[in-house]
Protein backbone atom coordinates (compact mmCIF):
# COMPACT_ATOMS: atom_id res chain seq x y z
CA MET A 1 66.88 137.02 115.73
CA VAL A 2 68.94 135.29 113.05
CA LEU A 3 65.85 133.58 111.65
CA GLN A 4 63.88 136.83 111.68
CA SER A 5 66.71 138.57 109.85
CA LEU A 6 66.86 135.77 107.29
CA LEU A 7 63.12 135.91 106.67
CA LYS A 8 63.29 139.66 106.32
CA ASN A 9 66.09 139.37 103.77
CA CYS A 10 64.22 136.70 101.83
CA LEU A 11 61.10 138.86 101.76
CA GLN A 12 63.13 141.82 100.53
CA LEU A 13 64.49 139.72 97.67
CA SER A 14 61.04 138.32 97.00
CA CYS A 15 59.73 141.84 96.44
CA VAL A 16 62.44 142.44 93.87
CA LEU A 17 62.57 139.13 92.05
CA ARG A 18 58.81 138.58 91.88
CA THR A 19 58.15 141.97 90.34
CA PRO A 20 56.92 141.59 86.76
CA LYS A 21 59.60 142.22 84.15
CA ALA A 22 57.97 145.45 83.05
CA GLY A 23 58.45 146.75 86.57
CA PHE A 24 62.13 145.89 86.69
CA ARG A 25 63.06 148.47 84.14
CA SER A 26 61.60 151.34 86.07
CA THR A 27 61.99 150.31 89.70
CA THR A 28 65.00 148.08 90.11
CA SER A 29 67.97 149.80 88.51
CA GLY A 30 71.29 149.61 90.34
CA GLY A 31 72.73 146.48 91.88
CA LEU A 32 72.06 143.63 94.24
CA ILE A 33 74.34 141.33 96.23
CA ILE A 34 72.86 137.99 97.22
CA GLN A 35 74.29 134.98 99.05
CA SER A 36 72.94 131.44 99.16
CA ILE A 37 72.36 129.82 102.54
CA SER A 38 72.68 126.39 100.85
CA ASN A 39 75.86 124.41 100.25
CA ASP A 40 74.17 122.16 97.69
CA VAL A 41 75.73 122.58 94.25
CA TYR A 42 72.57 121.67 92.35
CA GLN A 43 70.51 124.27 94.20
CA ASN A 44 73.13 126.95 93.67
CA LEU A 45 73.54 126.22 89.97
CA ALA A 46 69.74 126.35 89.70
CA VAL A 47 69.79 129.86 91.20
CA GLU A 48 72.19 130.92 88.44
CA ASP A 49 69.81 129.52 85.84
CA TRP A 50 66.82 131.18 87.49
CA ILE A 51 68.37 134.64 87.58
CA HIS A 52 69.61 134.27 84.00
CA ASP A 53 66.18 133.14 82.75
CA HIS A 54 63.82 135.28 84.84
CA MET A 55 65.47 138.49 85.97
CA SER A 56 65.71 141.58 83.82
CA LEU A 57 69.29 142.83 83.94
CA GLU A 58 68.94 145.71 81.50
CA ASN A 59 69.43 148.37 84.17
CA ARG A 60 71.07 146.45 86.96
CA ARG A 61 73.84 144.14 88.08
CA VAL A 62 73.71 141.18 90.45
CA LEU A 63 76.53 139.54 92.39
CA PHE A 64 75.72 136.02 93.61
CA LEU A 65 77.93 134.53 96.36
CA TRP A 66 77.83 130.78 97.06
CA ARG A 67 79.79 127.86 98.51
CA ASN A 68 79.38 124.13 98.05
CA SER A 69 80.04 120.99 100.02
CA PRO A 70 82.60 118.68 98.27
CA THR A 71 81.74 118.61 94.57
CA VAL A 72 83.40 118.28 91.19
CA VAL A 73 81.86 120.65 88.63
CA ILE A 74 82.47 120.09 84.93
CA GLY A 75 81.91 122.49 82.07
CA ARG A 76 78.95 122.32 79.71
CA HIS A 77 80.90 120.57 76.94
CA GLN A 78 83.11 118.26 79.01
CA ASN A 79 83.45 114.51 79.50
CA PRO A 80 83.35 113.44 83.18
CA TRP A 81 85.25 110.19 82.48
CA GLN A 82 88.00 112.26 80.89
CA GLU A 83 88.06 114.92 83.60
CA CYS A 84 87.87 113.16 86.94
CA ASN A 85 88.08 109.94 88.93
CA LEU A 86 84.44 108.89 89.10
CA ARG A 87 85.21 105.80 91.19
CA LEU A 88 86.88 107.97 93.82
CA LEU A 89 83.96 110.40 93.77
CA ARG A 90 81.58 107.52 94.48
CA GLN A 91 83.80 106.15 97.26
CA LYS A 92 84.07 109.52 99.00
CA ASN A 93 80.45 110.53 98.34
CA ILE A 94 81.55 113.62 96.42
CA LYS A 95 78.93 115.04 94.08
CA LEU A 96 79.40 115.56 90.35
CA ALA A 97 77.65 118.44 88.62
CA ARG A 98 77.58 119.84 85.09
CA ARG A 99 77.14 123.59 84.80
CA ARG A 100 75.62 125.43 81.84
CA SER A 101 78.71 127.51 81.16
CA GLY A 102 81.80 126.33 79.28
CA GLY A 103 85.32 126.13 80.66
CA GLY A 104 87.14 123.46 82.62
CA THR A 105 86.59 121.21 85.61
CA VAL A 106 86.94 122.50 89.16
CA TYR A 107 86.73 121.07 92.67
CA HIS A 108 84.54 122.84 95.22
CA ASP A 109 84.35 122.45 98.96
CA LEU A 110 83.62 124.82 101.83
CA GLY A 111 87.14 126.23 101.53
CA ASN A 112 86.31 127.51 98.05
CA ILE A 113 84.25 130.60 97.19
CA ASN A 114 82.08 130.95 94.09
CA LEU A 115 81.22 134.32 92.62
CA THR A 116 78.72 134.93 89.80
CA PHE A 117 78.53 138.34 88.14
CA PHE A 118 75.25 138.94 86.27
CA THR A 119 74.79 141.79 83.78
CA SER A 120 73.08 142.51 80.52
CA ARG A 121 75.02 141.07 77.61
CA LYS A 122 76.02 144.58 76.54
CA LYS A 123 77.70 145.24 79.89
CA TYR A 124 79.39 141.84 80.22
CA GLU A 125 83.10 142.24 81.05
CA ARG A 126 84.85 139.39 82.83
CA MET A 127 88.25 141.14 83.03
CA GLU A 128 86.71 143.99 85.03
CA ASN A 129 85.09 141.49 87.40
CA LEU A 130 88.41 139.75 88.04
CA LYS A 131 90.18 143.06 88.58
CA LEU A 132 87.49 143.86 91.15
CA VAL A 133 88.29 140.60 92.99
CA VAL A 134 92.02 141.39 92.92
CA LYS A 135 91.37 144.91 94.23
CA ALA A 136 89.30 143.47 97.08
CA LEU A 137 92.10 141.05 97.97
CA LYS A 138 94.65 143.87 97.92
CA ALA A 139 92.46 146.02 100.13
CA LEU A 140 92.17 143.14 102.59
CA ARG A 141 95.85 142.13 102.50
CA PRO A 142 98.06 144.64 100.63
CA GLN A 143 101.04 142.29 100.72
CA LEU A 144 99.34 139.66 98.52
CA ASP A 145 100.92 139.26 95.08
CA VAL A 146 97.83 138.58 92.96
CA HIS A 147 97.08 139.48 89.34
CA VAL A 148 94.77 138.58 86.47
CA THR A 149 96.16 136.75 83.44
CA ASP A 150 95.15 136.98 79.79
CA ARG A 151 93.43 133.60 80.24
CA TYR A 152 91.16 135.17 82.88
CA ASP A 153 92.75 133.31 85.77
CA ILE A 154 93.92 134.92 89.00
CA LEU A 155 97.45 133.92 89.98
CA LEU A 156 99.13 134.11 93.37
CA ASN A 157 102.86 134.87 93.38
CA ARG A 158 102.85 134.77 89.57
CA GLN A 159 102.58 130.97 89.44
CA TYR A 160 99.76 129.50 91.53
CA LYS A 161 96.20 129.56 90.25
CA ILE A 162 93.69 130.64 92.88
CA SER A 163 90.77 131.37 90.57
CA GLY A 164 89.35 129.92 87.36
CA THR A 165 86.67 131.43 85.16
CA ALA A 166 83.71 130.40 82.99
CA ALA A 167 80.78 132.24 81.44
CA LYS A 168 77.39 131.95 79.78
CA LEU A 169 76.27 134.53 77.25
CA GLY A 170 72.54 134.63 76.59
CA ARG A 171 70.68 136.69 74.02
CA THR A 172 70.17 139.67 76.35
CA THR A 173 71.73 138.59 79.68
CA ALA A 174 75.06 137.12 80.64
CA TYR A 175 76.93 135.84 83.62
CA HIS A 176 80.55 135.25 84.47
CA HIS A 177 81.42 133.03 87.39
CA CYS A 178 84.75 132.31 89.03
CA THR A 179 86.17 130.43 91.97
CA LEU A 180 88.50 131.61 94.71
CA LEU A 181 90.60 129.14 96.68
CA CYS A 182 90.78 130.08 100.36
CA ASN A 183 91.32 126.84 102.26
CA ALA A 184 90.18 123.96 100.03
CA ASP A 185 91.41 120.39 100.52
CA LYS A 186 94.20 120.30 97.94
CA PHE A 187 94.88 116.58 98.43
CA ILE A 188 91.29 115.70 97.54
CA LEU A 189 91.33 118.28 94.75
CA SER A 190 94.35 116.74 93.04
CA SER A 191 93.09 113.18 93.59
CA VAL A 192 89.61 113.60 92.13
CA LEU A 193 90.72 115.74 89.18
CA LYS A 194 92.86 112.93 87.79
CA SER A 195 91.20 110.51 85.38
CA PRO A 196 92.19 106.84 85.71
CA TYR A 197 90.32 105.79 82.56
CA LYS A 198 92.41 104.48 79.67
CA GLY A 199 91.85 104.42 75.93
CA LEU A 200 89.25 107.17 75.89
CA LYS A 201 88.98 109.40 72.81
CA SER A 202 86.76 112.44 72.85
CA ASN A 203 86.28 115.85 71.24
CA ALA A 204 85.02 117.24 74.54
CA THR A 205 86.63 120.39 75.92
CA PRO A 206 89.69 119.34 77.97
CA SER A 207 90.72 121.10 81.17
CA VAL A 208 94.11 122.80 81.36
CA PRO A 209 96.05 121.53 84.42
CA ALA A 210 97.55 124.17 86.70
CA SER A 211 99.43 124.43 89.98
CA VAL A 212 97.09 125.73 92.67
CA LYS A 213 97.49 127.26 96.09
CA ASN A 214 95.15 128.37 98.85
CA LEU A 215 95.18 131.98 100.03
CA PHE A 216 95.18 130.49 103.53
CA GLU A 217 98.65 129.06 102.84
CA GLU A 218 99.91 132.58 102.12
CA ASP A 219 98.10 134.14 105.08
CA PRO A 220 96.54 131.77 107.68
CA SER A 221 94.46 134.61 109.12
CA LEU A 222 92.28 134.73 106.00
CA THR A 223 88.85 133.09 106.06
CA CYS A 224 86.15 132.59 103.44
CA GLU A 225 83.86 134.96 105.32
CA MET A 226 86.48 137.72 105.24
CA LEU A 227 87.00 137.24 101.51
CA LEU A 228 83.27 137.26 100.77
CA ASP A 229 82.77 140.48 102.76
CA ALA A 230 85.75 142.17 101.11
CA ILE A 231 84.53 141.31 97.60
CA ALA A 232 80.98 142.39 98.42
CA GLU A 233 82.28 145.69 99.79
CA GLU A 234 84.40 146.37 96.72
CA TYR A 235 81.50 145.43 94.43
CA ALA A 236 79.19 147.82 96.29
CA THR A 237 81.76 150.62 96.15
CA GLN A 238 82.50 150.24 92.44
CA HIS A 239 78.85 150.05 91.43
CA GLN A 240 77.65 152.63 93.97
CA ILE A 241 75.11 150.42 95.72
CA ASP A 242 74.31 149.67 99.34
CA HIS A 243 76.81 147.27 100.90
CA HIS A 244 74.14 144.79 101.94
CA ILE A 245 74.24 141.03 101.33
CA THR A 246 70.78 139.54 100.98
CA LEU A 247 70.55 135.90 102.05
CA ILE A 248 68.38 133.57 99.99
CA ASN A 249 67.15 130.01 100.35
CA PRO A 250 67.49 128.35 96.91
CA SER A 251 64.59 126.00 97.56
CA ASP A 252 62.08 128.75 98.37
CA GLU A 253 59.44 128.74 95.62
CA THR A 254 57.85 131.93 96.96
CA VAL A 255 61.08 133.79 96.19
CA LEU A 256 62.15 131.83 93.11
CA PRO A 257 59.08 130.31 91.43
CA GLY A 258 59.93 127.09 89.60
CA ILE A 259 63.40 126.79 91.18
CA ASN A 260 62.93 123.22 92.43
CA ASN A 261 62.22 121.92 88.92
CA LYS A 262 65.46 123.53 87.76
CA THR A 263 67.32 121.88 90.65
CA LYS A 264 65.88 118.45 89.78
CA GLU A 265 66.85 118.82 86.13
CA ILE A 266 70.45 119.76 86.94
CA GLN A 267 71.00 116.63 89.04
CA THR A 268 69.53 114.09 86.61
CA TRP A 269 71.76 111.45 85.05
CA GLU A 270 70.63 112.70 81.63
CA TRP A 271 72.10 116.13 82.33
CA VAL A 272 75.24 115.25 84.31
CA TYR A 273 76.32 112.29 82.14
CA GLY A 274 73.95 112.22 79.16
CA LYS A 275 75.09 115.63 77.88
CA THR A 276 78.62 114.31 77.40
CA PRO A 277 79.80 114.75 73.79
CA LYS A 278 80.16 111.47 71.87
CA PHE A 279 83.30 109.51 72.77
CA SER A 280 84.90 106.12 72.28
CA VAL A 281 86.74 103.68 74.52
CA SER A 282 89.35 101.34 73.09
CA THR A 283 91.30 99.57 75.79
CA CYS A 284 92.79 96.30 77.00
CA PHE A 285 92.88 94.82 80.47
CA ASN A 286 94.37 91.72 82.03
CA MET A 287 92.34 89.20 84.01
CA VAL A 288 94.15 86.86 86.40
CA TYR A 289 92.37 83.55 86.69
CA LYS A 290 93.79 80.33 88.20
CA ASP A 291 97.45 81.23 87.70
CA SER A 292 96.91 82.37 84.14
CA VAL A 293 96.69 85.90 82.74
CA LEU A 294 94.18 86.62 80.00
CA ASP A 295 94.16 89.65 77.72
CA VAL A 296 90.78 91.19 76.98
CA LYS A 297 90.17 93.95 74.44
CA VAL A 298 87.13 96.20 74.56
CA ASP A 299 85.90 98.74 71.99
CA MET A 300 82.89 100.94 72.68
CA ASP A 301 81.24 104.02 71.20
CA VAL A 302 79.24 106.12 73.65
CA LYS A 303 76.68 108.78 72.68
CA HIS A 304 74.51 110.76 75.10
CA GLY A 305 76.07 108.66 77.85
CA ARG A 306 74.76 105.41 76.34
CA ILE A 307 76.73 102.61 74.68
CA GLU A 308 76.00 102.66 70.94
CA VAL A 309 78.51 100.04 69.82
CA CYS A 310 80.20 97.40 71.98
CA ASN A 311 82.75 94.72 71.11
CA ILE A 312 84.48 92.43 73.62
CA TYR A 313 87.36 90.26 72.42
CA LEU A 314 88.02 87.33 74.76
CA PRO A 315 90.40 84.35 74.48
CA GLU A 316 88.66 81.64 72.48
CA GLN A 317 86.34 79.38 74.48
CA TRP A 318 87.01 81.19 77.75
CA LEU A 319 83.28 81.92 77.91
CA PRO A 320 80.56 80.35 75.76
CA PRO A 321 80.21 82.64 72.70
CA ALA A 322 76.44 82.87 73.21
CA LEU A 323 76.91 84.19 76.75
CA CYS A 324 79.45 86.80 75.66
CA SER A 325 77.09 87.78 72.85
CA GLU A 326 74.29 88.30 75.39
CA LEU A 327 76.52 90.63 77.40
CA VAL A 328 77.39 92.67 74.30
CA LYS A 329 73.72 92.83 73.29
CA GLY A 330 72.67 93.88 76.79
CA LEU A 331 75.33 96.60 77.02
CA THR A 332 74.38 98.06 73.64
CA GLY A 333 71.87 100.84 74.32
CA SER A 334 72.45 100.83 78.08
CA LYS A 335 73.97 103.65 80.12
CA PHE A 336 77.75 103.76 80.38
CA CYS A 337 77.28 103.35 84.09
CA PRO A 338 78.52 100.85 86.71
CA ASN A 339 75.11 100.50 88.37
CA GLU A 340 73.32 99.63 85.14
CA THR A 341 76.07 97.23 84.07
CA THR A 342 75.99 95.53 87.49
CA THR A 343 72.23 95.03 87.17
CA LEU A 344 72.67 93.62 83.66
CA ALA A 345 75.43 91.25 84.78
CA THR A 346 73.34 89.97 87.69
CA THR A 347 70.32 89.42 85.44
CA LEU A 348 72.30 87.48 82.85
CA LEU A 349 74.00 85.41 85.54
CA ARG A 350 70.61 84.02 86.56
CA VAL A 351 70.12 82.48 83.12
CA CYS A 352 73.66 81.03 82.99
CA PRO A 353 74.08 77.27 83.30
CA GLN A 354 74.63 76.22 86.93
CA ASP A 355 78.37 75.90 86.66
CA ASP A 356 80.59 77.35 89.41
CA GLU A 357 83.61 77.87 87.19
CA LEU A 358 81.50 79.54 84.51
CA HIS A 359 80.00 81.84 87.13
CA SER A 360 83.46 82.75 88.43
CA ARG A 361 84.66 83.63 84.95
CA TRP A 362 81.52 85.62 84.24
CA ASN A 363 81.83 87.62 87.46
CA LEU A 364 85.50 88.36 86.78
CA LEU A 365 84.74 89.67 83.31
CA CYS A 366 81.83 91.80 84.51
CA GLU A 367 83.86 93.27 87.38
CA ASN A 368 86.52 94.38 84.90
CA MET A 369 83.92 95.84 82.53
CA ILE A 370 82.45 97.84 85.40
CA MET A 371 85.92 99.18 86.24
CA LEU A 372 85.97 100.84 82.79
CA MET A 373 83.08 103.05 83.88
């Protein structure tokens, strides 16, 4: 029965979304509430893109509800090395995604709700959307002290951030999306949203740190499902539409033609890392080798995620100058990426003279270079 219901819902949405644009204006006014059955951030961000690019919103509104498995999502103009602990993300197998809207970095997991409000650009109003969320929360739990700030955040008890906001304004359509913390892992959240990288200079948009709290901490009876239903109900009431949530599969090409290509693009290295605004790294690190401590200085310029300029300053004669020069030459033009640097280091090691001490020094240097990334 659940599967039949899901297929029915998907077919209903298919009838709407696959209607030619000319038909939208006359047959699909009003509103629509949809919810993704996927917890994959790339698929869900692709749905946002698809609706923005393909759906006429001149006479209608759409509310998109979605949740993700553990993920860090950065804004369109942000630097991931500046915003989060990429090493920790790799260790814990947490995804990194770049959205097409601006704003700051957020952590998602299944204890976090994502809401996207689609309208025509003329009807775009993020403050009204946030007030709608607050009204839904108050209807669900009248005792909650929640309000919207001038920065378009929602605060709990006047001090804890439970929702952050970002938006994308197109020529004729727009969307505003926000988060809502229900029962997210705050320990992981605070750990991954803390950059360990030193000496990084960038003009990328920085995030504004804030104290956060889960709604679950205020009222343990609250669940994500309850919050989603309450927001959907309030949305339906305010916009005078049927309180019906249509489930969609974000990989279904019959419903969303071309969606899988959008999903692939969003998860490419070129999008997630390569869209980072130009930045530089100027740092020093210490290498301990045979009871001695050596100071190493590194300067790099990185553009489109690739190393444009690289200089490594080592103690004299610690490595043959030609070998160090080969490393610098190999890094120049390569991705600012531990995997690519590891491959380069391994390749160059094969052409090193067969000298155990030289190999040990080389490996130590390369390990420290990789730690910068």
